[in-house]
Amino acid sequence: METTRNNEPVLEIRDLRKSFGEQKVLNGFNLKLFKGESLVVMGKSGSGKSVMIKCLVGLMQADSGSIRIKDHDITSLGREELDVLRTEIGFLFQGSALYDSMTVRENLEFPLRRHKKKLHLDGSTESLVLEALENVGLAKAIDLMPSELSGGMQRRVALARALILKPNIILYDEPTTGLDPITSKEIIQLMRTIQETYNTSSLIITHDVDCARVISNRIILLVDGVNYAEGTFEELLKNKDPKVQAFFKN
């Protein structure tokens, strides 16, 4: 995909550090996400991708460094301020993380019940739920339970839930994990369509090379706790560094 950038990032991570005992997981990680951009962070298992995204949404406290989202440093925000900021961020959890005891409708209504009035969203709850499901091609599944859905359908519902508050930024944590190749391609194409339609800024955490190739404007390789290399898919593919090439070998 062609790179789209504005001068000011909508999200910026500076010198992020996080250790567990003697193990330094993040050791000065940096990242900038620009408006309308799809930025992929690739890293091997245990490289710190999940730790980074948990710090980003405030589920884990970094040891040091800053995370700025729309001029707010989330490392210094209180709980209420952080909750307000989170409404501007959609999060597609690894494994979808739908509520098993709720229907598809109820899963999507859940964030609306908490934030709809605060965000002044237009339309009834019903219309917003239907709109979100239509965006992912699942309006007919509105009254089904998660257990009645395939893995790909569950991922689509989770994406609809991430979109329902009309966020400016969407975070994807391993969006294709556990899906078969055909369903993975469908989810990747859906992510791309959403990004292009709504001009959202997307940060995708993945180890899926095909996902990175199709969806990314830019890629950061997370190695040894830092942003080891950065560039387009084609630029990194041509990079002769063995640590970079290791990401692209079959």
C-alpha atoms as a PDB file:
ATOM      1  CA  MET A   1       0.000   0.000   0.000  1.00  0.00           C
ATOM      2  CA  GLU A   2       1.099   3.536  -0.680  1.00  0.00           C
ATOM      3  CA  THR A   3       2.332   5.443   2.350  1.00  0.00           C
ATOM      4  CA  THR A   4       0.052   8.170   3.707  1.00  0.00           C
ATOM      5  CA  ARG A   5       1.513  10.600   6.230  1.00  0.00           C
ATOM      6  CA  ASN A   6       0.734  13.924   7.811  1.00  0.00           C
ATOM      7  CA  ASN A   7       3.393  15.869   9.691  1.00  0.00           C
ATOM      8  CA  GLU A   8       2.007  15.221  13.166  1.00  0.00           C
ATOM      9  CA  PRO A   9       1.616  11.642  14.388  1.00  0.00           C
ATOM     10  CA  VAL A  10      -1.704  10.624  15.939  1.00  0.00           C
ATOM     11  CA  LEU A  11       0.183   8.182  18.160  1.00  0.00           C
ATOM     12  CA  GLU A  12       3.810   8.302  19.281  1.00  0.00           C
ATOM     13  CA  ILE A  13       5.856   6.005  21.502  1.00  0.00           C
ATOM     14  CA  ARG A  14       9.190   7.292  22.773  1.00  0.00           C
ATOM     15  CA  ASP A  15      11.928   5.294  24.464  1.00  0.00           C
ATOM     16  CA  LEU A  16       9.510   2.741  25.926  1.00  0.00           C
ATOM     17  CA  ARG A  17      11.111   0.352  28.416  1.00  0.00           C
ATOM     18  CA  LYS A  18       9.655  -2.617  30.238  1.00  0.00           C
ATOM     19  CA  SER A  19      11.470  -5.368  32.119  1.00  0.00           C
ATOM     20  CA  PHE A  20      10.365  -8.440  34.024  1.00  0.00           C
ATOM     21  CA  GLY A  21      13.081  -9.104  36.540  1.00  0.00           C
ATOM     22  CA  GLU A  22      16.345  -9.320  34.608  1.00  0.00           C
ATOM     23  CA  GLN A  23      14.602  -9.749  31.271  1.00  0.00           C
ATOM     24  CA  LYS A  24      14.442  -6.530  29.249  1.00  0.00           C
ATOM     25  CA  VAL A  25      11.438  -6.963  26.950  1.00  0.00           C
ATOM     26  CA  LEU A  26      11.259  -3.385  25.649  1.00  0.00           C
ATOM     27  CA  ASN A  27      14.556  -1.561  25.715  1.00  0.00           C
ATOM     28  CA  GLY A  28      13.934   1.878  24.227  1.00  0.00           C
ATOM     29  CA  PHE A  29      11.228   1.177  21.647  1.00  0.00           C
ATOM     30  CA  ASN A  30      10.051   4.052  19.410  1.00  0.00           C
ATOM     31  CA  LEU A  31       7.095   4.352  17.044  1.00  0.00           C
ATOM     32  CA  LYS A  32       5.099   7.001  15.172  1.00  0.00           C
ATOM     33  CA  LEU A  33       1.680   6.346  13.613  1.00  0.00           C
ATOM     34  CA  PHE A  34       0.331   8.934  11.179  1.00  0.00           C
ATOM     35  CA  LYS A  35      -3.224   9.816  10.174  1.00  0.00           C
ATOM     36  CA  GLY A  36      -4.668   7.341   7.688  1.00  0.00           C
ATOM     37  CA  GLU A  37      -1.646   5.046   7.880  1.00  0.00           C
ATOM     38  CA  SER A  38      -1.491   1.281   8.325  1.00  0.00           C
ATOM     39  CA  LEU A  39       1.622   0.594  10.377  1.00  0.00           C
ATOM     40  CA  VAL A  40       2.627  -3.004  11.052  1.00  0.00           C
ATOM     41  CA  VAL A  41       4.858  -4.047  13.950  1.00  0.00           C
ATOM     42  CA  MET A  42       6.385  -7.467  13.372  1.00  0.00           C
ATOM     43  CA  GLY A  43       8.240  -9.503  15.940  1.00  0.00           C
ATOM     44  CA  LYS A  44       8.860 -13.100  16.817  1.00  0.00           C
ATOM     45  CA  SER A  45       7.072 -14.786  19.711  1.00  0.00           C
ATOM     46  CA  GLY A  46       8.269 -13.295  22.990  1.00  0.00           C
ATOM     47  CA  SER A  47       9.755 -10.227  21.314  1.00  0.00           C
ATOM     48  CA  GLY A  48       7.540  -7.797  23.250  1.00  0.00           C
ATOM     49  CA  LYS A  49       4.740  -7.062  20.754  1.00  0.00           C
ATOM     50  CA  SER A  50       1.947  -7.878  23.186  1.00  0.00           C
ATOM     51  CA  VAL A  51       3.699  -6.068  26.035  1.00  0.00           C
ATOM     52  CA  MET A  52       3.989  -2.963  23.862  1.00  0.00           C
ATOM     53  CA  ILE A  53       0.302  -2.945  22.902  1.00  0.00           C
ATOM     54  CA  LYS A  54      -0.777  -3.574  26.522  1.00  0.00           C
ATOM     55  CA  CYS A  55       1.299  -0.571  27.612  1.00  0.00           C
ATOM     56  CA  LEU A  56      -0.246   1.425  24.791  1.00  0.00           C
ATOM     57  CA  VAL A  57      -3.824   0.910  25.997  1.00  0.00           C
ATOM     58  CA  GLY A  58      -2.951   1.196  29.679  1.00  0.00           C
ATOM     59  CA  LEU A  59      -3.392  -2.473  30.582  1.00  0.00           C
ATOM     60  CA  MET A  60       0.248  -2.617  31.664  1.00  0.00           C
ATOM     61  CA  GLN A  61       2.490   0.062  33.152  1.00  0.00           C
ATOM     62  CA  ALA A  62       5.797   0.711  31.381  1.00  0.00           C
ATOM     63  CA  ASP A  63       8.938   1.210  33.454  1.00  0.00           C
ATOM     64  CA  SER A  64       9.770   4.419  31.574  1.00  0.00           C
ATOM     65  CA  GLY A  65       9.156   6.245  28.330  1.00  0.00           C
ATOM     66  CA  SER A  66       6.136   8.085  26.948  1.00  0.00           C
ATOM     67  CA  ILE A  67       3.073   7.147  24.906  1.00  0.00           C
ATOM     68  CA  ARG A  68       1.265  10.090  23.337  1.00  0.00           C
ATOM     69  CA  ILE A  69      -2.146   9.806  21.712  1.00  0.00           C
ATOM     70  CA  LYS A  70      -3.594  13.038  20.333  1.00  0.00           C
ATOM     71  CA  ASP A  71      -1.386  15.232  22.550  1.00  0.00           C
ATOM     72  CA  HIS A  72      -2.113  13.204  25.688  1.00  0.00           C
ATOM     73  CA  ASP A  73       0.649  11.274  27.445  1.00  0.00           C
ATOM     74  CA  ILE A  74      -1.280   8.220  28.616  1.00  0.00           C
ATOM     75  CA  THR A  75       1.427   7.302  31.127  1.00  0.00           C
ATOM     76  CA  SER A  76       0.392  10.349  33.185  1.00  0.00           C
ATOM     77  CA  LEU A  77      -3.412  10.061  32.855  1.00  0.00           C
ATOM     78  CA  GLY A  78      -5.757   9.038  35.653  1.00  0.00           C
ATOM     79  CA  ARG A  79      -8.262   6.205  35.207  1.00  0.00           C
ATOM     80  CA  GLU A  80     -11.190   8.411  34.162  1.00  0.00           C
ATOM     81  CA  GLU A  81      -9.095  10.384  31.658  1.00  0.00           C
ATOM     82  CA  LEU A  82      -7.702   7.149  30.245  1.00  0.00           C
ATOM     83  CA  ASP A  83     -11.207   5.705  29.857  1.00  0.00           C
ATOM     84  CA  VAL A  84     -12.283   8.764  27.856  1.00  0.00           C
ATOM     85  CA  LEU A  85      -9.239   8.486  25.584  1.00  0.00           C
ATOM     86  CA  ARG A  86      -9.865   4.786  25.044  1.00  0.00           C
ATOM     87  CA  THR A  87     -13.188   5.610  23.371  1.00  0.00           C
ATOM     88  CA  GLU A  88     -11.174   7.012  20.455  1.00  0.00           C
ATOM     89  CA  ILE A  89      -9.268   3.751  20.044  1.00  0.00           C
ATOM     90  CA  GLY A  90     -10.742   0.554  18.623  1.00  0.00           C
ATOM     91  CA  PHE A  91      -9.026  -2.652  19.765  1.00  0.00           C
ATOM     92  CA  LEU A  92      -9.320  -5.991  17.983  1.00  0.00           C
ATOM     93  CA  PHE A  93      -8.145  -8.482  20.586  1.00  0.00           C
ATOM     94  CA  GLN A  94      -6.195 -11.585  19.700  1.00  0.00           C
ATOM     95  CA  GLY A  95      -8.717 -14.423  19.605  1.00  0.00           C
ATOM     96  CA  SER A  96     -11.636 -11.940  19.241  1.00  0.00           C
ATOM     97  CA  ALA A  97     -12.520 -11.950  23.005  1.00  0.00           C
ATOM     98  CA  LEU A  98     -16.283 -11.878  22.525  1.00  0.00           C
ATOM     99  CA  TYR A  99     -18.524 -12.323  25.563  1.00  0.00           C
ATOM    100  CA  ASP A 100     -19.695 -15.939  25.313  1.00  0.00           C
ATOM    101  CA  SER A 101     -22.913 -15.365  27.273  1.00  0.00           C
ATOM    102  CA  MET A 102     -24.046 -12.462  25.075  1.00  0.00           C
ATOM    103  CA  THR A 103     -25.536 -12.472  21.574  1.00  0.00           C
ATOM    104  CA  VAL A 104     -23.770 -10.630  18.764  1.00  0.00           C
ATOM    105  CA  ARG A 105     -26.195  -7.741  19.295  1.00  0.00           C
ATOM    106  CA  GLU A 106     -25.423  -7.594  23.025  1.00  0.00           C
ATOM    107  CA  ASN A 107     -21.656  -7.748  22.407  1.00  0.00           C
ATOM    108  CA  LEU A 108     -21.912  -4.638  20.224  1.00  0.00           C
ATOM    109  CA  GLU A 109     -24.352  -2.865  22.515  1.00  0.00           C
ATOM    110  CA  PHE A 110     -21.995  -3.227  25.471  1.00  0.00           C
ATOM    111  CA  PRO A 111     -19.572  -0.371  24.549  1.00  0.00           C
ATOM    112  CA  LEU A 112     -22.493   1.771  23.395  1.00  0.00           C
ATOM    113  CA  ARG A 113     -24.240   1.516  26.759  1.00  0.00           C
ATOM    114  CA  ARG A 114     -21.118   2.893  28.431  1.00  0.00           C
ATOM    115  CA  HIS A 115     -20.120   5.621  25.976  1.00  0.00           C
ATOM    116  CA  LYS A 116     -22.879   6.522  23.460  1.00  0.00           C
ATOM    117  CA  LYS A 117     -24.183   9.641  25.250  1.00  0.00           C
ATOM    118  CA  LYS A 118     -20.682  10.798  26.135  1.00  0.00           C
ATOM    119  CA  LEU A 119     -19.576  10.589  22.475  1.00  0.00           C
ATOM    120  CA  HIS A 120     -22.785  12.149  21.079  1.00  0.00           C
ATOM    121  CA  LEU A 121     -23.063   9.428  18.439  1.00  0.00           C
ATOM    122  CA  ASP A 122     -25.860   9.936  15.893  1.00  0.00           C
ATOM    123  CA  GLY A 123     -28.500   7.249  15.524  1.00  0.00           C
ATOM    124  CA  SER A 124     -30.204   4.764  17.793  1.00  0.00           C
ATOM    125  CA  THR A 125     -28.317   1.925  19.433  1.00  0.00           C
ATOM    126  CA  GLU A 126     -30.057  -0.480  17.045  1.00  0.00           C
ATOM    127  CA  SER A 127     -29.004   1.486  13.950  1.00  0.00           C
ATOM    128  CA  LEU A 128     -25.393   1.775  15.148  1.00  0.00           C
ATOM    129  CA  VAL A 129     -25.210  -1.972  15.790  1.00  0.00           C
ATOM    130  CA  LEU A 130     -26.655  -2.746  12.363  1.00  0.00           C
ATOM    131  CA  GLU A 131     -24.289  -0.282  10.671  1.00  0.00           C
ATOM    132  CA  ALA A 132     -21.254  -1.858  12.348  1.00  0.00           C
ATOM    133  CA  LEU A 133     -22.363  -5.373  11.373  1.00  0.00           C
ATOM    134  CA  GLU A 134     -23.105  -4.310   7.799  1.00  0.00           C
ATOM    135  CA  ASN A 135     -19.575  -2.930   7.595  1.00  0.00           C
ATOM    136  CA  VAL A 136     -18.251  -6.444   8.206  1.00  0.00           C
ATOM    137  CA  GLY A 137     -20.940  -8.271   6.220  1.00  0.00           C
ATOM    138  CA  LEU A 138     -22.691  -9.921   9.173  1.00  0.00           C
ATOM    139  CA  ALA A 139     -26.003  -8.109   9.694  1.00  0.00           C
ATOM    140  CA  LYS A 140     -27.891 -11.437   9.545  1.00  0.00           C
ATOM    141  CA  ALA A 141     -25.890 -12.791  12.503  1.00  0.00           C
ATOM    142  CA  ILE A 142     -27.149 -10.118  14.909  1.00  0.00           C
ATOM    143  CA  ASP A 143     -29.055 -12.496  17.213  1.00  0.00           C
ATOM    144  CA  LEU A 144     -26.649 -15.443  17.124  1.00  0.00           C
ATOM    145  CA  MET A 145     -24.412 -16.493  20.001  1.00  0.00           C
ATOM    146  CA  PRO A 146     -20.607 -16.486  19.529  1.00  0.00           C
ATOM    147  CA  SER A 147     -20.616 -20.286  19.793  1.00  0.00           C
ATOM    148  CA  GLU A 148     -22.780 -20.406  16.659  1.00  0.00           C
ATOM    149  CA  LEU A 149     -20.197 -18.502  14.612  1.00  0.00           C
ATOM    150  CA  SER A 150     -17.120 -19.741  12.783  1.00  0.00           C
ATOM    151  CA  GLY A 151     -13.712 -18.385  13.778  1.00  0.00           C
ATOM    152  CA  GLY A 152     -13.739 -15.948  10.865  1.00  0.00           C
ATOM    153  CA  MET A 153     -17.234 -14.717  11.729  1.00  0.00           C
ATOM    154  CA  GLN A 154     -16.200 -14.209  15.347  1.00  0.00           C
ATOM    155  CA  ARG A 155     -13.255 -12.100  14.164  1.00  0.00           C
ATOM    156  CA  ARG A 156     -15.603 -10.019  11.999  1.00  0.00           C
ATOM    157  CA  VAL A 157     -17.954  -9.415  14.939  1.00  0.00           C
ATOM    158  CA  ALA A 158     -14.982  -8.416  17.087  1.00  0.00           C
ATOM    159  CA  LEU A 159     -13.950  -5.968  14.368  1.00  0.00           C
ATOM    160  CA  ALA A 160     -17.495  -4.563  14.257  1.00  0.00           C
ATOM    161  CA  ARG A 161     -17.308  -4.046  18.024  1.00  0.00           C
ATOM    162  CA  ALA A 162     -13.959  -2.259  17.611  1.00  0.00           C
ATOM    163  CA  LEU A 163     -15.549   0.040  15.008  1.00  0.00           C
ATOM    164  CA  ILE A 164     -18.844   0.800  16.718  1.00  0.00           C
ATOM    165  CA  LEU A 165     -17.648   3.901  18.616  1.00  0.00           C
ATOM    166  CA  LYS A 166     -16.212   5.274  15.341  1.00  0.00           C
ATOM    167  CA  PRO A 167     -12.611   5.462  16.605  1.00  0.00           C
ATOM    168  CA  ASN A 168      -9.826   7.423  14.941  1.00  0.00           C
ATOM    169  CA  ILE A 169      -7.249   4.719  15.708  1.00  0.00           C
ATOM    170  CA  ILE A 170      -7.658   0.938  15.514  1.00  0.00           C
ATOM    171  CA  LEU A 171      -5.231  -1.483  17.144  1.00  0.00           C
ATOM    172  CA  TYR A 172      -5.080  -5.031  15.812  1.00  0.00           C
ATOM    173  CA  ASP A 173      -3.418  -7.698  17.944  1.00  0.00           C
ATOM    174  CA  GLU A 174      -2.541 -10.681  15.712  1.00  0.00           C
ATOM    175  CA  PRO A 175      -5.726 -10.333  13.587  1.00  0.00           C
ATOM    176  CA  THR A 176      -5.147 -13.511  11.538  1.00  0.00           C
ATOM    177  CA  THR A 177      -3.957 -15.860  14.297  1.00  0.00           C
ATOM    178  CA  GLY A 178      -5.866 -19.160  14.339  1.00  0.00           C
ATOM    179  CA  LEU A 179      -7.609 -18.571  11.008  1.00  0.00           C
ATOM    180  CA  ASP A 180      -7.284 -20.683   7.876  1.00  0.00           C
ATOM    181  CA  PRO A 181      -5.530 -19.059   4.856  1.00  0.00           C
ATOM    182  CA  ILE A 182      -8.748 -18.189   2.995  1.00  0.00           C
ATOM    183  CA  THR A 183     -10.395 -16.605   6.044  1.00  0.00           C
ATOM    184  CA  SER A 184      -7.155 -14.755   6.852  1.00  0.00           C
ATOM    185  CA  LYS A 185      -7.190 -13.172   3.397  1.00  0.00           C
ATOM    186  CA  GLU A 186     -10.823 -12.129   3.883  1.00  0.00           C
ATOM    187  CA  ILE A 187     -10.045 -10.486   7.230  1.00  0.00           C
ATOM    188  CA  ILE A 188      -6.985  -8.700   5.795  1.00  0.00           C
ATOM    189  CA  GLN A 189      -9.043  -7.348   2.885  1.00  0.00           C
ATOM    190  CA  LEU A 190     -11.757  -6.214   5.300  1.00  0.00           C
ATOM    191  CA  MET A 191      -9.180  -4.379   7.415  1.00  0.00           C
ATOM    192  CA  ARG A 192      -7.872  -2.663   4.305  1.00  0.00           C
ATOM    193  CA  THR A 193     -11.367  -1.659   3.155  1.00  0.00           C
ATOM    194  CA  ILE A 194     -12.193  -0.186   6.574  1.00  0.00           C
ATOM    195  CA  GLN A 195      -8.937   1.776   6.676  1.00  0.00           C
ATOM    196  CA  GLU A 196      -9.514   3.203   3.193  1.00  0.00           C
ATOM    197  CA  THR A 197     -13.229   3.938   3.743  1.00  0.00           C
ATOM    198  CA  TYR A 198     -12.920   5.680   7.119  1.00  0.00           C
ATOM    199  CA  ASN A 199      -9.317   6.940   6.870  1.00  0.00           C
ATOM    200  CA  THR A 200      -8.558   5.354  10.227  1.00  0.00           C
ATOM    201  CA  SER A 201      -5.024   5.073  11.522  1.00  0.00           C
ATOM    202  CA  SER A 202      -4.245   1.393  12.028  1.00  0.00           C
ATOM    203  CA  LEU A 203      -1.538  -0.226  14.131  1.00  0.00           C
ATOM    204  CA  ILE A 204      -1.276  -3.942  13.395  1.00  0.00           C
ATOM    205  CA  ILE A 205       0.722  -6.317  15.594  1.00  0.00           C
ATOM    206  CA  THR A 206       1.485  -9.507  13.670  1.00  0.00           C
ATOM    207  CA  HIS A 207       3.985 -12.179  12.719  1.00  0.00           C
ATOM    208  CA  ASP A 208       2.010 -12.968   9.529  1.00  0.00           C
ATOM    209  CA  VAL A 209       4.189 -11.970   6.564  1.00  0.00           C
ATOM    210  CA  ASP A 210       1.270 -12.108   4.097  1.00  0.00           C
ATOM    211  CA  CYS A 211      -0.777  -9.803   6.331  1.00  0.00           C
ATOM    212  CA  ALA A 212       2.136  -7.353   6.561  1.00  0.00           C
ATOM    213  CA  ARG A 213       2.666  -7.398   2.800  1.00  0.00           C
ATOM    214  CA  VAL A 214      -0.965  -6.654   1.930  1.00  0.00           C
ATOM    215  CA  ILE A 215      -2.020  -4.243   4.675  1.00  0.00           C
ATOM    216  CA  SER A 216       1.068  -2.183   5.533  1.00  0.00           C
ATOM    217  CA  ASN A 217       2.129   1.261   4.428  1.00  0.00           C
ATOM    218  CA  ARG A 218       5.145   0.848   6.663  1.00  0.00           C
ATOM    219  CA  ILE A 219       6.640  -1.896   8.844  1.00  0.00           C
ATOM    220  CA  ILE A 220       8.675  -1.777  12.050  1.00  0.00           C
ATOM    221  CA  LEU A 221      10.635  -4.877  13.057  1.00  0.00           C
ATOM    222  CA  LEU A 222      10.802  -5.351  16.825  1.00  0.00           C
ATOM    223  CA  VAL A 223      14.073  -7.108  17.688  1.00  0.00           C
ATOM    224  CA  ASP A 224      15.891  -7.159  21.041  1.00  0.00           C
ATOM    225  CA  GLY A 225      13.382  -4.701  22.511  1.00  0.00           C
ATOM    226  CA  VAL A 226      13.933  -1.928  19.972  1.00  0.00           C
ATOM    227  CA  ASN A 227      12.647  -0.872  16.544  1.00  0.00           C
ATOM    228  CA  TYR A 228      15.507  -2.657  14.797  1.00  0.00           C
ATOM    229  CA  ALA A 229      14.494  -1.849  11.206  1.00  0.00           C
ATOM    230  CA  GLU A 230      11.795   0.207   9.503  1.00  0.00           C
ATOM    231  CA  GLY A 231      10.533   0.649   5.953  1.00  0.00           C
ATOM    232  CA  THR A 232       8.044  -0.547   3.382  1.00  0.00           C
ATOM    233  CA  PHE A 233       7.603  -4.280   2.819  1.00  0.00           C
ATOM    234  CA  GLU A 234       9.671  -4.076  -0.373  1.00  0.00           C
ATOM    235  CA  GLU A 235      12.479  -2.127   1.324  1.00  0.00           C
ATOM    236  CA  LEU A 236      12.769  -4.611   4.172  1.00  0.00           C
ATOM    237  CA  LEU A 237      12.549  -7.573   1.796  1.00  0.00           C
ATOM    238  CA  LYS A 238      15.667  -6.239   0.016  1.00  0.00           C
ATOM    239  CA  ASN A 239      17.541  -5.593   3.275  1.00  0.00           C
ATOM    240  CA  LYS A 240      20.489  -8.046   3.528  1.00  0.00           C
ATOM    241  CA  ASP A 241      20.766  -7.892   7.324  1.00  0.00           C
ATOM    242  CA  PRO A 242      20.356 -11.500   8.594  1.00  0.00           C
ATOM    243  CA  LYS A 243      18.082 -10.368  11.460  1.00  0.00           C
ATOM    244  CA  VAL A 244      15.809  -8.650   8.926  1.00  0.00           C
ATOM    245  CA  GLN A 245      15.898 -11.519   6.436  1.00  0.00           C
ATOM    246  CA  ALA A 246      14.863 -13.951   9.181  1.00  0.00           C
ATOM    247  CA  PHE A 247      11.368 -12.431   9.075  1.00  0.00           C
ATOM    248  CA  PHE A 248      10.908 -13.225   5.389  1.00  0.00           C
ATOM    249  CA  LYS A 249      12.288 -16.751   5.130  1.00  0.00           C
ATOM    250  CA  ASN A 250       9.808 -19.588   4.695  1.00  0.00           C
END
